[in-house]
Amino acid sequence: MTLSLSHALDRVAPSGIRHFAQLADETPGCVSLTMGEPGEDTPAALRQAASDELAAGVTHYAPTCGYSFLREAISAYMRSRGEDYAPEQTIVTNGATEAVFCALATVLDEGDEVIIPQPAFILYEEAALLVRAEPVHLDTAPDAFQIRRESLEAACGPRTKAIVITSPNNPTGCVLDAESLDAVAEAAAARDLFVICDDVYEQLSFSDGFEGFAQRHPELADRTIVVNSFSKPYAMTGWRLGWLAASPEVTEALALVHQYAVCCEASFLQRAAAEALSSDVSAMRESYRARRDRTVQAVQAMGLPLAMPEGAFYAFPSIAELGIGSEEFCERAIREAGVAVVPGTCFGAEGYVRISYSVADDALDEGLRRLAGFVERLRAEA
């Protein structure tokens, strides 16, 4: 008998984001605006807390769902934001990546459909394919990257089981408006759908009165699964810490998948994570807002159409008018201009590129200057 691997892998592709980030790393002098990662280091107080735990010998297995003090801190944080989840309804995960995978593996059977509004982070589709479900794309570009009832209804079918939403969005930076959240709620209630909310950028919203799905629609708590992470607001990407929150019945099922996926999270990191939840991220948010404003100004000066990013740290301008595919655009930008951005194809949206403005100010300014020169040369070629 010939050896073979899982056929689920036949439909799964490596991360294009990582590919272009690697191309940038391999190109001497290239300014990389690719990765969705804070340019800042983790605050010193949090690093010290982890160091203290190591020194104290906190190096043994942690409880499967996380230490009680961290789950209590997560619960308190969520309640402060209008989301009522008891500590027992939370699970400490290996970042939001594992949380999303656990959520999809818990609710989807083979052949079930999950709606993914696009543009979207690549993880949702690839994780769905790995659990042998069927991603269904919902193009939000015609509606300014919002979800409208008619388009959502058209995407639903007899096998639809869940929808994944993220707000603020990666890669657009757009925040879902009340009409979008209500459209999702109506579909979830009418069709018995799970709503998986990737809320990793919720603290990096630049709009007053930000409202997420779980906050606006607590009546659907039985079918809402919240994913969150320490990575973005606290500059803790390398720590690989996140969490899940759901109804008691769903949390029990999620914990089973989590237990056999990773067993538990690193014990000596969890005290620092609990401290992070009580820290003030307003300075970091304002720093990103200032970088957003400079990025938007630069992109507008390039003459590229852009929906105003209202959160996260991405801009997603359209390059369709330049008459070049987004992958070719990004490959040439690295080779010819020494600046790296990510093609829209990585997010299911040809004709766009993603600019990450989470980097240091000097790198951002130089990268935008190089990008502007490259766009000008492309226009001259046309």
Protein backbone atom coordinates (compact mmCIF):
# COMPACT_ATOMS: atom_id res chain seq x y z
CA MET A 1 0.00 0.00 0.00
CA THR A 2 1.31 3.48 -0.90
CA LEU A 3 1.70 5.88 1.98
CA SER A 4 -0.53 8.95 1.77
CA LEU A 5 -1.25 12.04 3.81
CA SER A 6 -4.59 13.55 4.77
CA HIS A 7 -6.47 14.68 1.69
CA ALA A 8 -7.64 17.71 3.67
CA LEU A 9 -4.16 19.12 3.06
CA ASP A 10 -4.72 19.07 -0.69
CA ARG A 11 -6.85 22.22 -0.38
CA VAL A 12 -4.73 24.06 2.19
CA ALA A 13 -2.04 26.54 1.15
CA PRO A 14 0.86 28.03 3.17
CA SER A 15 0.35 31.55 4.45
CA GLY A 16 0.91 34.13 1.74
CA ILE A 17 1.48 36.74 4.43
CA ARG A 18 4.43 34.77 5.75
CA HIS A 19 5.69 34.23 2.21
CA PHE A 20 5.91 37.94 1.43
CA ALA A 21 7.35 38.69 4.86
CA GLN A 22 10.08 36.14 4.14
CA LEU A 23 10.75 37.68 0.72
CA ALA A 24 11.21 41.01 2.47
CA ASP A 25 13.58 39.48 5.02
CA GLU A 26 15.65 37.95 2.22
CA THR A 27 15.93 41.28 0.35
CA PRO A 28 18.71 43.48 1.75
CA GLY A 29 17.48 46.88 2.87
CA CYS A 30 13.81 46.12 2.25
CA VAL A 31 11.29 47.92 4.46
CA SER A 32 8.65 45.40 5.48
CA LEU A 33 5.09 46.59 6.03
CA THR A 34 3.79 43.02 5.98
CA MET A 35 3.31 41.52 9.42
CA GLY A 36 0.41 42.28 11.74
CA GLU A 37 2.66 42.72 14.73
CA PRO A 38 3.31 45.68 17.03
CA GLY A 39 6.73 47.18 16.48
CA GLU A 40 7.00 47.80 20.21
CA ASP A 41 8.36 45.25 22.68
CA THR A 42 6.17 43.79 25.41
CA PRO A 43 6.08 46.29 28.31
CA ALA A 44 8.87 45.78 30.82
CA ALA A 45 6.53 45.14 33.75
CA LEU A 46 4.94 42.20 31.96
CA ARG A 47 8.29 40.74 30.98
CA GLN A 48 9.41 41.06 34.59
CA ALA A 49 6.29 39.27 35.81
CA ALA A 50 7.09 36.29 33.59
CA SER A 51 10.71 36.34 34.73
CA ASP A 52 9.60 36.33 38.37
CA GLU A 53 7.38 33.31 37.76
CA LEU A 54 10.28 31.43 36.19
CA ALA A 55 12.51 32.32 39.10
CA ALA A 56 9.83 31.04 41.48
CA GLY A 57 9.76 27.67 39.71
CA VAL A 58 6.36 28.03 38.03
CA THR A 59 7.34 25.56 35.32
CA HIS A 60 4.89 22.68 35.77
CA TYR A 61 1.69 21.87 33.91
CA ALA A 62 -1.01 24.50 34.22
CA PRO A 63 -4.71 23.53 34.43
CA THR A 64 -6.11 22.65 31.02
CA CYS A 65 -8.23 25.78 30.67
CA GLY A 66 -5.80 28.08 32.47
CA TYR A 67 -5.14 29.13 36.05
CA SER A 68 -8.19 30.38 37.92
CA PHE A 69 -6.62 33.81 38.51
CA LEU A 70 -6.22 34.37 34.75
CA ARG A 71 -9.70 33.12 33.91
CA GLU A 72 -11.09 35.45 36.59
CA ALA A 73 -9.12 38.34 35.09
CA ILE A 74 -10.45 37.52 31.61
CA SER A 75 -14.00 37.38 32.94
CA ALA A 76 -13.60 40.73 34.72
CA TYR A 77 -12.12 42.31 31.59
CA MET A 78 -14.98 41.06 29.41
CA ARG A 79 -17.61 42.20 31.88
CA SER A 80 -16.03 45.67 31.90
CA ARG A 81 -16.73 45.73 28.16
CA GLY A 82 -20.34 44.59 28.50
CA GLU A 83 -19.77 40.86 27.86
CA ASP A 84 -21.11 38.65 30.64
CA TYR A 85 -18.91 35.53 30.79
CA ALA A 86 -18.10 33.80 34.07
CA PRO A 87 -14.52 32.55 34.62
CA GLU A 88 -15.75 28.99 34.01
CA GLN A 89 -16.88 30.08 30.54
CA THR A 90 -13.36 31.03 29.46
CA ILE A 91 -10.42 28.97 28.15
CA VAL A 92 -6.83 30.19 27.92
CA THR A 93 -5.53 29.23 24.47
CA ASN A 94 -2.36 29.20 22.40
CA GLY A 95 -3.17 32.57 20.89
CA ALA A 96 -6.19 33.43 18.77
CA THR A 97 -4.99 30.99 16.12
CA GLU A 98 -5.64 27.96 18.28
CA ALA A 99 -8.84 29.54 19.56
CA VAL A 100 -10.24 29.92 16.04
CA PHE A 101 -9.20 26.39 15.14
CA CYS A 102 -10.82 24.97 18.28
CA ALA A 103 -14.02 26.90 17.62
CA LEU A 104 -14.31 25.63 14.05
CA ALA A 105 -13.38 22.06 15.01
CA THR A 106 -15.99 22.13 17.79
CA VAL A 107 -19.00 23.33 15.79
CA LEU A 108 -18.39 22.06 12.25
CA ASP A 109 -18.89 18.59 10.82
CA GLU A 110 -17.55 17.39 7.50
CA GLY A 111 -19.39 19.18 4.69
CA ASP A 112 -20.85 21.90 6.92
CA GLU A 113 -20.56 25.41 5.52
CA VAL A 114 -19.06 28.39 7.32
CA ILE A 115 -19.59 31.88 5.93
CA ILE A 116 -16.46 34.02 5.80
CA PRO A 117 -17.03 37.69 4.92
CA GLN A 118 -14.15 38.77 2.71
CA PRO A 119 -11.62 40.34 2.71
CA ALA A 120 -10.65 38.15 5.66
CA PHE A 121 -7.63 36.81 7.51
CA ILE A 122 -6.47 33.62 5.77
CA LEU A 123 -6.70 31.50 8.95
CA TYR A 124 -10.48 31.15 8.85
CA GLU A 125 -10.65 29.47 5.46
CA GLU A 126 -7.62 27.22 5.91
CA ALA A 127 -8.73 26.07 9.38
CA ALA A 128 -12.21 25.31 8.03
CA LEU A 129 -10.69 23.21 5.26
CA LEU A 130 -8.53 21.32 7.74
CA VAL A 131 -11.64 20.22 9.66
CA ARG A 132 -13.21 19.24 6.30
CA ALA A 133 -15.83 21.97 6.29
CA GLU A 134 -16.68 24.19 3.33
CA PRO A 135 -15.86 27.92 3.43
CA VAL A 136 -18.43 30.14 1.73
CA HIS A 137 -17.16 33.55 0.67
CA LEU A 138 -19.26 36.65 1.26
CA ASP A 139 -17.83 39.56 -0.73
CA THR A 140 -18.20 42.74 1.31
CA ALA A 141 -16.27 45.05 -1.05
CA PRO A 142 -19.43 46.29 -2.86
CA ASP A 143 -20.84 47.38 0.53
CA ALA A 144 -17.80 49.29 1.82
CA PHE A 145 -16.68 46.14 3.65
CA GLN A 146 -19.91 45.90 5.64
CA ILE A 147 -22.28 42.89 5.88
CA ARG A 148 -25.72 43.48 4.42
CA ARG A 149 -28.82 41.35 4.95
CA GLU A 150 -29.41 40.58 1.29
CA SER A 151 -25.87 39.42 0.58
CA LEU A 152 -25.71 37.39 3.79
CA GLU A 153 -29.02 35.73 3.03
CA ALA A 154 -27.78 34.84 -0.45
CA ALA A 155 -24.69 33.20 1.05
CA CYS A 156 -26.69 30.99 3.43
CA GLY A 157 -27.70 27.48 2.42
CA PRO A 158 -29.04 24.27 3.96
CA ARG A 159 -25.54 23.26 5.19
CA THR A 160 -24.64 26.65 6.69
CA LYS A 161 -23.58 26.13 10.31
CA ALA A 162 -21.54 29.18 11.29
CA ILE A 163 -20.26 32.62 10.34
CA VAL A 164 -16.90 34.15 11.31
CA ILE A 165 -16.73 37.91 11.84
CA THR A 166 -13.88 40.17 12.86
CA SER A 167 -14.16 43.81 13.84
CA PRO A 168 -12.00 45.84 13.54
CA ASN A 169 -11.15 43.87 10.44
CA ASN A 170 -7.91 42.41 9.20
CA PRO A 171 -6.99 43.46 6.47
CA THR A 172 -9.27 46.50 5.97
CA GLY A 173 -9.25 48.09 9.42
CA CYS A 174 -13.01 48.63 9.03
CA VAL A 175 -15.36 48.33 12.00
CA LEU A 176 -18.65 46.51 11.46
CA ASP A 177 -21.56 48.90 11.87
CA ALA A 178 -24.81 48.25 13.74
CA GLU A 179 -26.58 47.21 10.55
CA SER A 180 -23.92 44.57 9.89
CA LEU A 181 -24.06 43.19 13.42
CA ASP A 182 -27.86 43.07 13.31
CA ALA A 183 -27.83 41.29 9.95
CA VAL A 184 -25.58 38.59 11.42
CA ALA A 185 -27.79 38.33 14.49
CA GLU A 186 -30.95 37.91 12.42
CA ALA A 187 -29.38 35.16 10.32
CA ALA A 188 -27.96 33.40 13.39
CA ALA A 189 -31.33 33.43 15.16
CA ALA A 190 -33.37 32.40 12.13
CA ARG A 191 -31.04 29.67 10.91
CA ASP A 192 -29.48 28.42 14.17
CA LEU A 193 -25.98 29.49 13.22
CA PHE A 194 -22.94 29.82 15.44
CA VAL A 195 -21.26 33.24 15.36
CA ILE A 196 -17.50 33.10 15.88
CA CYS A 197 -16.27 36.58 16.80
CA ASP A 198 -12.59 37.26 16.31
CA ASP A 199 -12.21 40.27 18.62
CA VAL A 200 -8.41 40.49 18.73
CA TYR A 201 -8.38 44.15 17.63
CA GLU A 202 -11.27 45.40 19.79
CA GLN A 203 -8.99 47.53 22.00
CA LEU A 204 -7.44 49.10 18.90
CA SER A 205 -10.63 50.72 17.64
CA PHE A 206 -10.26 54.43 16.90
CA SER A 207 -13.99 55.14 17.05
CA ASP A 208 -15.81 56.22 20.19
CA GLY A 209 -18.44 53.81 21.43
CA PHE A 210 -17.08 50.69 19.76
CA GLU A 211 -19.54 47.81 19.99
CA GLY A 212 -18.81 44.18 19.21
CA PHE A 213 -21.30 41.45 18.37
CA ALA A 214 -21.36 39.88 21.84
CA GLN A 215 -21.96 43.28 23.40
CA ARG A 216 -24.78 44.20 21.05
CA HIS A 217 -26.52 40.82 20.99
CA PRO A 218 -26.25 39.15 24.42
CA GLU A 219 -29.54 37.34 23.69
CA LEU A 220 -27.53 35.10 21.31
CA ALA A 221 -24.96 34.04 23.91
CA ASP A 222 -25.91 30.38 23.40
CA ARG A 223 -24.49 30.49 19.85
CA THR A 224 -21.75 33.12 20.19
CA ILE A 225 -18.10 32.10 20.55
CA VAL A 226 -15.70 34.93 21.35
CA VAL A 227 -12.04 34.70 20.36
CA ASN A 228 -9.53 37.17 21.77
CA SER A 229 -5.79 37.54 22.21
CA PHE A 230 -3.10 39.29 24.21
CA SER A 231 -0.94 39.68 21.09
CA LYS A 232 -2.08 42.95 19.56
CA PRO A 233 -3.01 45.43 22.31
CA TYR A 234 -0.22 44.39 24.69
CA ALA A 235 2.53 43.69 22.10
CA MET A 236 2.66 40.03 23.18
CA THR A 237 2.65 38.24 19.82
CA GLY A 238 5.49 35.88 20.72
CA TRP A 239 3.84 34.83 23.97
CA ARG A 240 1.11 32.92 22.09
CA LEU A 241 -1.67 33.60 24.56
CA GLY A 242 -5.34 34.13 23.82
CA TRP A 243 -8.71 32.96 25.02
CA LEU A 244 -12.14 31.62 24.14
CA ALA A 245 -15.44 32.51 25.79
CA ALA A 246 -18.80 30.86 25.16
CA SER A 247 -21.91 29.47 26.84
CA PRO A 248 -21.28 26.82 29.52
CA GLU A 249 -22.32 23.96 27.21
CA VAL A 250 -20.18 25.16 24.30
CA THR A 251 -17.23 25.93 26.59
CA GLU A 252 -17.27 22.33 27.81
CA ALA A 253 -17.02 21.10 24.23
CA LEU A 254 -14.34 23.65 23.32
CA ALA A 255 -12.29 22.56 26.33
CA LEU A 256 -12.29 18.98 25.06
CA VAL A 257 -10.83 20.00 21.69
CA HIS A 258 -8.37 22.37 23.39
CA GLN A 259 -7.19 19.66 25.79
CA TYR A 260 -6.19 17.31 23.01
CA ALA A 261 -4.80 20.05 20.77
CA VAL A 262 -2.35 21.67 23.20
CA CYS A 263 -3.06 20.23 26.70
CA CYS A 264 -2.52 23.61 28.42
CA GLU A 265 -0.70 26.91 28.07
CA ALA A 266 2.71 27.80 29.47
CA SER A 267 2.38 28.13 33.23
CA PHE A 268 4.92 30.91 33.84
CA LEU A 269 3.32 33.30 31.32
CA GLN A 270 -0.15 33.43 32.82
CA ARG A 271 0.50 35.80 35.73
CA ALA A 272 1.81 38.42 33.30
CA ALA A 273 -1.22 37.90 31.08
CA ALA A 274 -3.53 38.61 34.01
CA GLU A 275 -1.61 41.80 34.75
CA ALA A 276 -1.83 42.84 31.11
CA LEU A 277 -5.63 42.82 31.23
CA SER A 278 -5.63 45.59 33.82
CA SER A 279 -3.11 47.76 31.99
CA ASP A 280 -3.94 50.88 29.98
CA VAL A 281 -3.40 50.53 26.22
CA SER A 282 -4.59 54.03 25.31
CA ALA A 283 -1.07 55.28 24.56
CA MET A 284 -0.45 52.42 22.14
CA ARG A 285 -3.85 52.95 20.53
CA GLU A 286 -3.13 56.64 20.02
CA SER A 287 0.24 55.78 18.53
CA TYR A 288 -1.49 53.56 15.98
CA ARG A 289 -4.06 56.25 15.31
CA ALA A 290 -1.25 58.71 14.47
CA ARG A 291 0.38 56.15 12.18
CA ARG A 292 -3.01 55.47 10.60
CA ASP A 293 -3.42 59.15 9.83
CA ARG A 294 0.03 59.39 8.22
CA THR A 295 -0.61 56.23 6.22
CA VAL A 296 -3.99 57.42 4.97
CA GLN A 297 -2.53 60.77 3.99
CA ALA A 298 0.28 59.07 2.07
CA VAL A 299 -2.05 56.63 0.30
CA GLN A 300 -4.41 59.43 -0.69
CA ALA A 301 -1.45 61.36 -2.08
CA MET A 302 -0.67 58.29 -4.21
CA GLY A 303 -4.18 58.55 -5.63
CA LEU A 304 -5.20 55.07 -4.50
CA PRO A 305 -8.81 54.52 -3.32
CA LEU A 306 -8.97 53.62 0.37
CA ALA A 307 -11.72 52.91 2.88
CA MET A 308 -10.86 54.73 6.10
CA PRO A 309 -9.39 52.23 8.62
CA GLU A 310 -11.26 52.66 11.90
CA GLY A 311 -9.18 50.23 13.93
CA ALA A 312 -6.40 47.63 14.03
CA PHE A 313 -3.21 48.71 12.21
CA TYR A 314 -3.87 48.07 8.53
CA ALA A 315 -4.75 50.05 5.42
CA PHE A 316 -6.18 48.24 2.39
CA PRO A 317 -5.96 50.47 -0.68
CA SER A 318 -7.20 49.43 -4.11
CA ILE A 319 -4.57 49.08 -6.84
CA ALA A 320 -7.07 47.93 -9.50
CA GLU A 321 -6.59 51.05 -11.64
CA LEU A 322 -2.89 50.29 -12.05
CA GLY A 323 -3.64 47.31 -14.30
CA ILE A 324 -1.45 44.87 -12.39
CA GLY A 325 -2.36 41.91 -10.17
CA SER A 326 -1.74 42.31 -6.46
CA GLU A 327 0.83 39.49 -6.25
CA GLU A 328 2.86 40.90 -9.14
CA PHE A 329 2.55 44.34 -7.57
CA CYS A 330 3.97 43.08 -4.26
CA GLU A 331 6.75 41.02 -5.83
CA ARG A 332 7.88 43.95 -7.95
CA ALA A 333 7.60 46.39 -5.05
CA ILE A 334 10.09 44.28 -3.12
CA ARG A 335 12.51 43.88 -6.03
CA GLU A 336 12.25 47.34 -7.55
CA ALA A 337 11.42 49.63 -4.63
CA GLY A 338 12.62 47.80 -1.52
CA VAL A 339 9.24 47.90 0.21
CA ALA A 340 7.02 44.94 1.09
CA VAL A 341 3.25 44.88 1.46
CA VAL A 342 0.83 41.94 1.23
CA PRO A 343 -1.32 41.15 -1.84
CA GLY A 344 -5.08 41.19 -1.51
CA THR A 345 -5.21 37.62 -2.79
CA CYS A 346 -4.01 36.54 0.66
CA PHE A 347 -7.35 37.81 1.99
CA GLY A 348 -9.62 36.73 -0.87
CA ALA A 349 -9.62 40.18 -2.46
CA GLU A 350 -7.70 40.70 -5.68
CA GLY A 351 -7.06 44.30 -6.64
CA TYR A 352 -5.95 45.43 -3.16
CA VAL A 353 -2.81 45.38 -1.04
CA ARG A 354 -2.50 45.43 2.75
CA ILE A 355 -0.18 47.91 4.41
CA SER A 356 0.67 47.23 8.05
CA TYR A 357 1.44 50.49 9.85
CA SER A 358 2.33 48.82 13.15
CA VAL A 359 6.06 49.34 12.55
CA ALA A 360 8.26 52.08 13.97
CA ASP A 361 7.60 55.59 12.68
CA ASP A 362 10.83 55.93 10.71
CA ALA A 363 10.33 52.57 8.98
CA LEU A 364 6.73 53.45 8.16
CA ASP A 365 7.64 56.82 6.67
CA GLU A 366 10.42 55.33 4.55
CA GLY A 367 8.23 52.44 3.43
CA LEU A 368 5.44 54.79 2.37
CA ARG A 369 7.91 57.01 0.52
CA ARG A 370 9.21 54.01 -1.42
CA LEU A 371 5.70 52.77 -2.11
CA ALA A 372 4.68 56.16 -3.48
CA GLY A 373 7.64 56.15 -5.84
CA PHE A 374 6.79 52.65 -7.03
CA VAL A 375 3.15 53.57 -7.72
CA GLU A 376 4.31 56.64 -9.64
CA ARG A 377 6.59 54.48 -11.81
CA LEU A 378 3.75 52.02 -12.52
CA ARG A 379 1.53 54.87 -13.65
CA ALA A 380 4.30 56.12 -15.92
CA GLU A 381 4.53 52.67 -17.51
CA ALA A 382 0.83 52.52 -18.32
